Amino acid sequence: MSEKILRWPDLKKKVPVSHVTIWRWEKDGHFPKRIQLGGNSAGWLESEVDDWIEQRAAER
């Protein structure tokens, strides 16, 4: 099974907040960590982002 990796434009559609907010959440351990794909390229595992969204919905 191949895992889909979300790049910033796709992540922004799922979690519409700024780069800085995502960075802060990652730093504080409140959001899945990005995966370095190379040089200046990074992405997030879609399954981890979806799980994070589901957790937020369950907490409300």
N, C-alpha and C. Protein backbone atom coordinates (compact mmCIF):
# COMPACT_ATOMS: atom_id res chain seq x y z
N MET A 1 0.84 -1.19 0.00
CA MET A 1 0.00 0.00 0.00
C MET A 1 0.88 1.25 0.00
N SER A 2 0.58 2.17 -0.87
CA SER A 2 1.36 3.41 -0.88
C SER A 2 0.56 4.50 -0.18
N GLU A 3 1.23 5.18 0.68
CA GLU A 3 0.62 6.25 1.47
C GLU A 3 0.68 7.55 0.69
N LYS A 4 -0.43 8.28 0.66
CA LYS A 4 -0.43 9.57 -0.03
C LYS A 4 0.24 10.62 0.86
N ILE A 5 1.08 11.40 0.23
CA ILE A 5 1.76 12.50 0.92
C ILE A 5 1.13 13.80 0.45
N LEU A 6 0.70 14.60 1.41
CA LEU A 6 0.10 15.90 1.10
C LEU A 6 1.19 16.96 1.06
N ARG A 7 1.24 17.70 -0.01
CA ARG A 7 2.11 18.87 -0.09
C ARG A 7 1.29 20.05 0.43
N TRP A 8 1.90 21.19 0.59
CA TRP A 8 1.25 22.34 1.22
C TRP A 8 -0.10 22.70 0.60
N PRO A 9 -0.24 22.80 -0.73
CA PRO A 9 -1.56 23.20 -1.28
C PRO A 9 -2.68 22.23 -0.88
N ASP A 10 -2.39 20.93 -0.85
CA ASP A 10 -3.41 19.95 -0.45
C ASP A 10 -3.66 20.01 1.06
N LEU A 11 -2.61 20.19 1.84
CA LEU A 11 -2.78 20.30 3.29
C LEU A 11 -3.64 21.52 3.62
N LYS A 12 -3.38 22.62 2.94
CA LYS A 12 -4.12 23.87 3.20
C LYS A 12 -5.61 23.69 2.94
N LYS A 13 -5.98 22.83 1.97
CA LYS A 13 -7.39 22.56 1.70
C LYS A 13 -8.04 21.80 2.85
N LYS A 14 -7.29 20.92 3.49
CA LYS A 14 -7.82 20.12 4.60
C LYS A 14 -7.78 20.88 5.92
N VAL A 15 -6.72 21.66 6.12
CA VAL A 15 -6.51 22.40 7.37
C VAL A 15 -6.20 23.85 6.99
N PRO A 16 -7.23 24.66 6.82
CA PRO A 16 -7.03 26.02 6.29
C PRO A 16 -6.49 27.02 7.32
N VAL A 17 -5.22 26.83 7.67
CA VAL A 17 -4.53 27.77 8.56
C VAL A 17 -3.19 28.13 7.91
N SER A 18 -2.48 29.06 8.48
CA SER A 18 -1.23 29.54 7.88
C SER A 18 -0.08 28.55 8.08
N HIS A 19 0.98 28.76 7.28
CA HIS A 19 2.21 27.97 7.43
C HIS A 19 2.73 28.07 8.86
N VAL A 20 2.70 29.27 9.40
CA VAL A 20 3.24 29.51 10.74
C VAL A 20 2.45 28.73 11.79
N THR A 21 1.14 28.70 11.66
CA THR A 21 0.32 27.95 12.62
C THR A 21 0.65 26.47 12.56
N ILE A 22 0.76 25.91 11.36
CA ILE A 22 1.12 24.49 11.22
C ILE A 22 2.49 24.26 11.85
N TRP A 23 3.44 25.13 11.56
CA TRP A 23 4.79 24.98 12.11
C TRP A 23 4.75 24.99 13.64
N ARG A 24 4.00 25.92 14.23
CA ARG A 24 3.90 26.00 15.70
C ARG A 24 3.27 24.74 16.27
N TRP A 25 2.18 24.28 15.66
CA TRP A 25 1.52 23.06 16.13
C TRP A 25 2.47 21.88 16.06
N GLU A 26 3.23 21.77 14.96
CA GLU A 26 4.21 20.68 14.84
C GLU A 26 5.25 20.78 15.95
N LYS A 27 5.78 21.95 16.14
CA LYS A 27 6.82 22.19 17.15
C LYS A 27 6.32 21.82 18.55
N ASP A 28 5.06 22.13 18.82
CA ASP A 28 4.47 21.85 20.14
C ASP A 28 3.94 20.42 20.26
N GLY A 29 4.01 19.64 19.18
CA GLY A 29 3.53 18.26 19.22
C GLY A 29 2.03 18.13 19.07
N HIS A 30 1.35 19.18 18.55
CA HIS A 30 -0.10 19.17 18.39
C HIS A 30 -0.55 18.88 16.97
N PHE A 31 0.38 18.59 16.08
CA PHE A 31 0.05 18.30 14.68
C PHE A 31 1.09 17.32 14.16
N PRO A 32 0.69 16.43 13.24
CA PRO A 32 1.66 15.46 12.70
C PRO A 32 2.89 16.15 12.11
N LYS A 33 4.03 15.56 12.33
CA LYS A 33 5.29 16.10 11.80
C LYS A 33 5.38 15.89 10.30
N ARG A 34 5.96 16.85 9.64
CA ARG A 34 6.18 16.74 8.20
C ARG A 34 7.30 15.75 7.91
N ILE A 35 7.31 15.26 6.69
CA ILE A 35 8.33 14.34 6.21
C ILE A 35 9.18 15.10 5.20
N GLN A 36 10.49 15.11 5.41
CA GLN A 36 11.39 15.75 4.44
C GLN A 36 11.49 14.85 3.21
N LEU A 37 11.17 15.40 2.05
CA LEU A 37 11.20 14.65 0.81
C LEU A 37 12.49 14.91 0.04
N GLY A 38 13.18 15.95 0.39
CA GLY A 38 14.41 16.32 -0.28
C GLY A 38 14.66 17.79 -0.04
N GLY A 39 15.82 18.28 -0.37
CA GLY A 39 16.18 19.69 -0.24
C GLY A 39 15.20 20.56 0.52
N ASN A 40 14.39 21.28 -0.21
CA ASN A 40 13.40 22.18 0.39
C ASN A 40 11.98 21.66 0.26
N SER A 41 11.84 20.37 0.09
CA SER A 41 10.55 19.76 -0.17
C SER A 41 10.11 18.92 1.03
N ALA A 42 8.85 19.12 1.46
CA ALA A 42 8.31 18.36 2.58
C ALA A 42 6.84 18.08 2.33
N GLY A 43 6.31 17.12 3.08
CA GLY A 43 4.90 16.78 2.97
C GLY A 43 4.44 16.10 4.25
N TRP A 44 3.15 15.84 4.33
CA TRP A 44 2.54 15.20 5.49
C TRP A 44 1.80 13.96 5.04
N LEU A 45 1.83 12.91 5.85
CA LEU A 45 1.08 11.71 5.52
C LEU A 45 -0.41 12.00 5.65
N GLU A 46 -1.15 11.73 4.60
CA GLU A 46 -2.58 12.03 4.60
C GLU A 46 -3.31 11.30 5.73
N SER A 47 -2.94 10.06 5.99
CA SER A 47 -3.63 9.29 7.04
C SER A 47 -3.42 9.94 8.41
N GLU A 48 -2.23 10.47 8.68
CA GLU A 48 -1.97 11.13 9.96
C GLU A 48 -2.77 12.42 10.08
N VAL A 49 -2.86 13.17 8.99
CA VAL A 49 -3.64 14.42 9.01
C VAL A 49 -5.12 14.10 9.19
N ASP A 50 -5.62 13.08 8.49
CA ASP A 50 -7.02 12.69 8.64
C ASP A 50 -7.32 12.23 10.07
N ASP A 51 -6.40 11.46 10.68
CA ASP A 51 -6.58 11.04 12.07
C ASP A 51 -6.62 12.25 13.00
N TRP A 52 -5.74 13.22 12.75
CA TRP A 52 -5.70 14.44 13.57
C TRP A 52 -7.04 15.18 13.48
N ILE A 53 -7.58 15.30 12.26
CA ILE A 53 -8.87 15.97 12.06
C ILE A 53 -9.97 15.22 12.81
N GLU A 54 -9.98 13.90 12.71
CA GLU A 54 -10.99 13.09 13.39
C GLU A 54 -10.91 13.25 14.91
N GLN A 55 -9.69 13.35 15.44
CA GLN A 55 -9.52 13.56 16.88
C GLN A 55 -10.10 14.91 17.29
N ARG A 56 -9.86 15.96 16.50
CA ARG A 56 -10.43 17.28 16.82
C ARG A 56 -11.94 17.21 16.84
N ALA A 57 -12.53 16.53 15.87
CA ALA A 57 -13.99 16.42 15.80
C ALA A 57 -14.53 15.63 17.00
N ALA A 58 -13.84 14.59 17.41
CA ALA A 58 -14.29 13.77 18.54
C ALA A 58 -14.21 14.52 19.86
N GLU A 59 -13.28 15.49 19.97
CA GLU A 59 -13.10 16.26 21.20
C GLU A 59 -14.13 17.34 21.42
N ARG A 60 -14.88 17.69 20.41
CA ARG A 60 -15.82 18.79 20.57
C ARG A 60 -17.10 18.39 21.25
